Amino acid sequence: WAAEEFETLDLGDARRNRRAIELLNDLGERPTASIPGACRGWAEIQAAYRFLGNDRYDWLDLLEPHRVCTQARMAAHPVVLCTQDTTQLDFNGQVIEGLGPLSYEAQRGMYLHPTYAITPQREPLGVLDAWMWAREFKDAEGQRGGEPESRRWMEGYARVAELAAGLPDTRLVYVADREADLLPLMIRARDLEHPADWLIRAKHNRVLPDGDGEKLWARVLATEPLGEVHFTLAPGRGRRSRDVRQALYAHRVSVSDRRGGRVDATCVIARE
């Protein structure tokens, strides 16, 4: 698989290209192992660390051939979900240069925010894009420097929108969690004329501009339900499996863009 997926990889030296493919094969066969655990022998371990420590290329160069193959796979499907979320890379207790704080200031690690393409039938197609960064430490006044982390959601949509131009027969849907419920993201999509749809879990119960203080969720729940969905909720930490029935509501609304204009969207609510 790695030889086909990374056939176009160009790290400036054929030996580096071969080493990358060998390392990807090793890590793919043992995805939960450490680098020493995945490599076969001391010589391979040393070669892997030399490869990863080479500053003549970076992780974006390694991602590029996979991204191209992912885009080609997407073209074969009528609808593709471009999902985004953030995960922590926790290296707490390890002495590694460049780490920053995580959810707690005492934790050390980095953040990874990929865009993962899948079909509605849950077939994985590949990684399209990623942000990776370490947070800056808070200063004496408790303020943290660096770029606003909300920017990654807006840039994520913009890159999916750019990709849509090269996939005229595929409908792209940008999917994100509550942290992406950002008005600037919706405005950006509107101004680009929605080359890609967006589906974002709502965080803010916004006041509607035409409802005398009426809020978004109340407006939608005042409509007739479209029907019901029934599924079994899987067990989780401290939670037993159970059957769930939810009524589905959907309503087209407009929210203020705070510039004298509006952003149109369809709000969907599933309520048990």
Protein backbone atom coordinates (compact mmCIF):
# COMPACT_ATOMS: atom_id res chain seq x y z
CA TRP A 1 0.00 0.00 0.00
CA ALA A 2 2.67 2.52 0.97
CA ALA A 3 4.59 2.03 -2.29
CA GLU A 4 1.45 2.84 -4.32
CA GLU A 5 0.24 5.68 -2.09
CA PHE A 6 3.63 7.42 -2.02
CA GLU A 7 4.74 6.65 -5.57
CA THR A 8 5.04 10.41 -6.31
CA LEU A 9 6.90 11.22 -3.08
CA ASP A 10 9.93 13.43 -3.75
CA LEU A 11 12.18 14.23 -0.79
CA GLY A 12 15.11 15.15 -3.00
CA ASP A 13 16.84 11.75 -2.83
CA ALA A 14 15.68 8.29 -3.92
CA ARG A 15 17.11 6.78 -0.75
CA ARG A 16 14.98 9.06 1.40
CA ASN A 17 11.92 8.13 -0.62
CA ARG A 18 12.62 4.41 -0.07
CA ARG A 19 13.25 4.97 3.63
CA ALA A 20 9.93 6.82 3.96
CA ILE A 21 8.03 3.94 2.34
CA GLU A 22 9.79 1.34 4.49
CA LEU A 23 9.04 3.31 7.64
CA LEU A 24 5.40 3.79 6.66
CA ASN A 25 5.07 0.05 6.07
CA ASP A 26 6.56 -0.69 9.50
CA LEU A 27 4.33 1.81 11.29
CA GLY A 28 1.28 0.68 9.32
CA GLU A 29 1.81 -2.92 10.37
CA ARG A 30 2.14 -1.91 14.04
CA PRO A 31 0.15 1.34 14.37
CA THR A 32 0.01 1.31 18.18
CA ALA A 33 3.71 0.57 18.69
CA SER A 34 6.48 3.05 19.41
CA ILE A 35 9.07 3.67 16.71
CA PRO A 36 11.53 1.18 18.28
CA GLY A 37 8.67 -1.30 18.64
CA ALA A 38 7.59 -0.94 15.02
CA CYS A 39 11.08 -1.11 13.48
CA ARG A 40 12.87 -4.41 12.96
CA GLY A 41 16.27 -4.17 14.56
CA TRP A 42 18.67 -1.52 15.81
CA ALA A 43 19.81 -0.45 12.34
CA GLU A 44 16.22 0.31 11.29
CA ILE A 45 15.57 2.23 14.50
CA GLN A 46 18.61 4.43 13.90
CA ALA A 47 17.64 4.94 10.26
CA ALA A 48 14.10 5.91 11.28
CA TYR A 49 15.27 8.56 13.73
CA ARG A 50 17.77 9.95 11.21
CA PHE A 51 14.95 10.17 8.67
CA LEU A 52 12.56 11.90 11.06
CA GLY A 53 15.27 14.30 12.23
CA ASN A 54 16.23 15.47 8.73
CA ASP A 55 15.40 19.18 8.32
CA ARG A 56 15.50 19.10 4.50
CA TYR A 57 11.80 18.21 4.43
CA ASP A 58 8.88 18.28 6.83
CA TRP A 59 5.64 16.43 7.52
CA LEU A 60 3.77 18.42 4.85
CA ASP A 61 6.11 17.00 2.19
CA LEU A 62 5.26 13.51 3.43
CA LEU A 63 1.53 14.25 3.45
CA GLU A 64 1.41 15.65 -0.10
CA PRO A 65 1.34 12.40 -2.16
CA HIS A 66 -1.27 10.94 0.21
CA ARG A 67 -3.35 14.12 -0.15
CA VAL A 68 -3.24 13.83 -3.95
CA CYS A 69 -4.34 10.17 -3.80
CA THR A 70 -7.10 11.10 -1.36
CA GLN A 71 -8.44 13.71 -3.75
CA ALA A 72 -8.45 11.16 -6.58
CA ARG A 73 -10.45 8.72 -4.42
CA MET A 74 -12.93 11.47 -3.56
CA ALA A 75 -13.69 12.06 -7.25
CA ALA A 76 -15.30 8.61 -7.46
CA HIS A 77 -18.02 9.48 -4.91
CA PRO A 78 -21.09 11.74 -5.24
CA VAL A 79 -20.81 12.96 -1.61
CA VAL A 80 -17.76 13.19 0.65
CA LEU A 81 -17.71 14.33 4.28
CA CYS A 82 -14.67 16.45 5.17
CA THR A 83 -14.51 16.07 8.94
CA GLN A 84 -12.38 18.19 11.26
CA ASP A 85 -11.53 17.91 14.93
CA THR A 86 -8.60 18.49 17.28
CA THR A 87 -6.66 15.90 19.25
CA GLN A 88 -3.91 16.21 21.84
CA LEU A 89 -0.52 14.59 21.35
CA ASP A 90 0.43 14.03 24.97
CA PHE A 91 4.20 13.78 25.57
CA ASN A 92 3.98 14.53 29.28
CA GLY A 93 7.07 13.47 31.21
CA GLN A 94 9.29 13.46 28.11
CA VAL A 95 12.05 15.99 27.45
CA ILE A 96 11.30 17.14 23.89
CA GLU A 97 12.09 20.55 22.47
CA GLY A 98 9.16 22.61 21.21
CA LEU A 99 6.35 21.20 23.35
CA GLY A 100 3.71 23.42 24.91
CA PRO A 101 0.95 23.14 27.51
CA LEU A 102 -2.18 21.09 26.83
CA SER A 103 -5.55 21.25 28.60
CA TYR A 104 -3.69 21.76 31.87
CA GLU A 105 -0.69 24.05 32.03
CA ALA A 106 1.42 21.29 33.61
CA GLN A 107 0.81 18.91 30.68
CA ARG A 108 3.23 18.92 27.76
CA GLY A 109 2.54 18.07 24.16
CA MET A 110 1.17 19.39 20.86
CA TYR A 111 -2.16 19.70 19.08
CA LEU A 112 -3.14 18.07 15.78
CA HIS A 113 -6.15 19.26 13.75
CA PRO A 114 -6.64 17.17 10.59
CA THR A 115 -9.28 17.21 7.86
CA TYR A 116 -10.31 13.59 7.29
CA ALA A 117 -12.31 12.61 4.20
CA ILE A 118 -14.88 9.82 4.48
CA THR A 119 -17.99 8.76 2.59
CA PRO A 120 -21.47 8.84 4.18
CA GLN A 121 -21.14 5.03 4.30
CA ARG A 122 -18.05 5.50 6.55
CA GLU A 123 -15.48 4.48 3.97
CA PRO A 124 -12.19 6.26 4.81
CA LEU A 125 -10.60 8.11 1.91
CA GLY A 126 -7.66 9.86 3.53
CA VAL A 127 -6.30 13.00 5.19
CA LEU A 128 -6.67 16.21 3.19
CA ASP A 129 -5.04 18.74 5.43
CA ALA A 130 -3.78 19.28 8.97
CA TRP A 131 -2.75 21.93 11.43
CA MET A 132 -0.15 21.05 14.04
CA TRP A 133 1.05 23.43 16.73
CA ALA A 134 2.26 23.84 20.29
CA ARG A 135 0.55 26.36 22.51
CA GLU A 136 2.56 29.22 23.96
CA PHE A 137 2.87 29.40 27.72
CA LYS A 138 0.84 31.98 29.62
CA ASP A 139 2.64 35.14 30.63
CA ALA A 140 2.74 36.69 34.11
CA GLU A 141 -0.72 38.20 33.55
CA GLY A 142 -2.22 34.86 32.55
CA GLN A 143 -2.45 35.74 28.85
CA ARG A 144 -1.43 33.33 26.10
CA GLY A 145 0.19 34.58 22.90
CA GLY A 146 0.12 33.12 19.43
CA GLU A 147 -2.49 33.05 16.68
CA PRO A 148 -6.16 32.57 17.65
CA GLU A 149 -6.83 28.84 17.60
CA SER A 150 -10.30 29.48 16.10
CA ARG A 151 -8.52 30.34 12.84
CA ARG A 152 -7.95 26.65 12.10
CA TRP A 153 -11.68 26.05 11.62
CA MET A 154 -12.11 28.93 9.17
CA GLU A 155 -9.00 28.01 7.19
CA GLY A 156 -10.17 24.40 7.20
CA TYR A 157 -13.40 25.37 5.49
CA ALA A 158 -11.57 27.63 3.03
CA ARG A 159 -9.29 24.77 1.95
CA VAL A 160 -12.23 22.41 1.48
CA ALA A 161 -13.90 25.12 -0.59
CA GLU A 162 -10.78 25.41 -2.78
CA LEU A 163 -10.78 21.66 -3.25
CA ALA A 164 -14.41 21.72 -4.42
CA ALA A 165 -13.41 23.54 -7.61
CA GLY A 166 -11.41 20.50 -8.73
CA LEU A 167 -14.21 18.04 -7.89
CA PRO A 168 -17.23 19.31 -9.84
CA ASP A 169 -19.07 15.97 -9.64
CA THR A 170 -18.56 15.48 -5.89
CA ARG A 171 -20.52 17.30 -3.21
CA LEU A 172 -18.20 18.21 -0.33
CA VAL A 173 -19.63 18.65 3.15
CA TYR A 174 -17.45 20.28 5.82
CA VAL A 175 -18.31 18.66 9.19
CA ALA A 176 -17.15 20.06 12.53
CA ASP A 177 -17.98 20.05 16.22
CA ARG A 178 -19.24 22.83 18.52
CA GLU A 179 -15.95 24.73 18.54
CA ALA A 180 -16.52 25.59 14.87
CA ASP A 181 -19.85 27.35 15.55
CA LEU A 182 -18.27 30.64 14.49
CA LEU A 183 -20.02 33.46 12.69
CA PRO A 184 -16.88 34.41 10.67
CA LEU A 185 -16.81 30.85 9.27
CA MET A 186 -20.43 31.15 8.12
CA ILE A 187 -19.75 34.56 6.60
CA ARG A 188 -16.71 33.18 4.77
CA ALA A 189 -18.82 30.36 3.31
CA ARG A 190 -21.52 32.83 2.25
CA ASP A 191 -19.03 35.20 0.64
CA LEU A 192 -17.48 32.30 -1.28
CA GLU A 193 -21.02 31.36 -2.43
CA HIS A 194 -20.92 28.02 -0.61
CA PRO A 195 -18.65 25.94 -2.89
CA ALA A 196 -18.79 23.33 -0.11
CA ASP A 197 -21.67 22.71 2.28
CA TRP A 198 -21.08 22.94 6.02
CA LEU A 199 -22.59 20.93 8.87
CA ILE A 200 -21.62 22.23 12.31
CA ARG A 201 -22.87 21.15 15.71
CA ALA A 202 -24.48 24.22 17.25
CA LYS A 203 -22.99 25.79 20.36
CA HIS A 204 -24.71 29.21 20.41
CA ASN A 205 -28.47 29.67 20.73
CA ARG A 206 -28.43 32.86 18.67
CA VAL A 207 -31.03 35.63 18.77
CA LEU A 208 -32.80 35.85 15.40
CA PRO A 209 -32.92 39.28 13.74
CA ASP A 210 -36.60 39.06 12.77
CA GLY A 211 -38.15 37.55 15.90
CA ASP A 212 -38.36 40.27 18.58
CA GLY A 213 -35.73 38.53 20.69
CA GLU A 214 -36.74 35.02 19.68
CA LYS A 215 -33.89 32.53 19.79
CA LEU A 216 -32.81 29.98 17.24
CA TRP A 217 -33.62 26.73 19.00
CA ALA A 218 -37.08 27.86 20.14
CA ARG A 219 -37.93 28.87 16.56
CA VAL A 220 -36.96 25.47 15.19
CA LEU A 221 -38.67 23.45 17.94
CA ALA A 222 -41.92 25.37 17.31
CA THR A 223 -42.20 23.68 13.89
CA GLU A 224 -43.69 20.27 13.19
CA PRO A 225 -41.19 17.40 13.49
CA LEU A 226 -40.13 15.75 10.26
CA GLY A 227 -40.18 12.29 11.82
CA GLU A 228 -38.18 10.12 14.20
CA VAL A 229 -34.88 8.29 14.29
CA HIS A 230 -34.30 5.20 16.40
CA PHE A 231 -30.89 3.80 17.30
CA THR A 232 -29.01 2.00 20.05
CA LEU A 233 -26.59 4.17 22.00
CA ALA A 234 -23.35 2.28 22.57
CA PRO A 235 -22.08 1.87 26.13
CA GLY A 236 -19.49 4.33 27.38
CA ARG A 237 -17.65 5.26 30.53
CA GLY A 238 -20.24 5.07 33.32
CA ARG A 239 -23.05 4.59 30.77
CA ARG A 240 -25.01 1.53 29.76
CA SER A 241 -26.20 0.79 26.25
CA ARG A 242 -29.78 1.92 25.65
CA ASP A 243 -32.34 2.49 22.92
CA VAL A 244 -32.85 6.10 21.82
CA ARG A 245 -35.75 7.70 19.95
CA GLN A 246 -35.34 11.27 18.74
CA ALA A 247 -37.74 13.59 16.96
CA LEU A 248 -36.17 15.50 14.05
CA TYR A 249 -36.86 19.19 13.42
CA ALA A 250 -35.51 21.36 10.60
CA HIS A 251 -36.14 24.97 9.70
CA ARG A 252 -34.55 27.53 7.40
CA VAL A 253 -33.41 30.62 9.33
CA SER A 254 -31.41 33.80 8.92
CA VAL A 255 -28.93 35.08 11.50
CA SER A 256 -27.36 38.52 11.64
CA ASP A 257 -23.81 38.84 10.31
CA ARG A 258 -23.35 41.95 12.55
CA ARG A 259 -22.54 43.98 9.44
CA GLY A 260 -26.07 44.86 8.40
CA GLY A 261 -26.51 41.63 6.44
CA ARG A 262 -27.61 38.07 7.12
CA VAL A 263 -26.39 34.51 6.87
CA ASP A 264 -28.94 31.89 5.81
CA ALA A 265 -28.75 28.36 7.18
CA THR A 266 -30.87 25.34 7.93
CA CYS A 267 -30.97 24.42 11.61
CA VAL A 268 -31.58 20.75 12.41
CA ILE A 269 -32.43 19.57 15.92
CA ALA A 270 -32.66 15.96 17.10
CA ARG A 271 -34.52 15.86 20.43
CA GLU A 272 -35.14 12.85 22.65
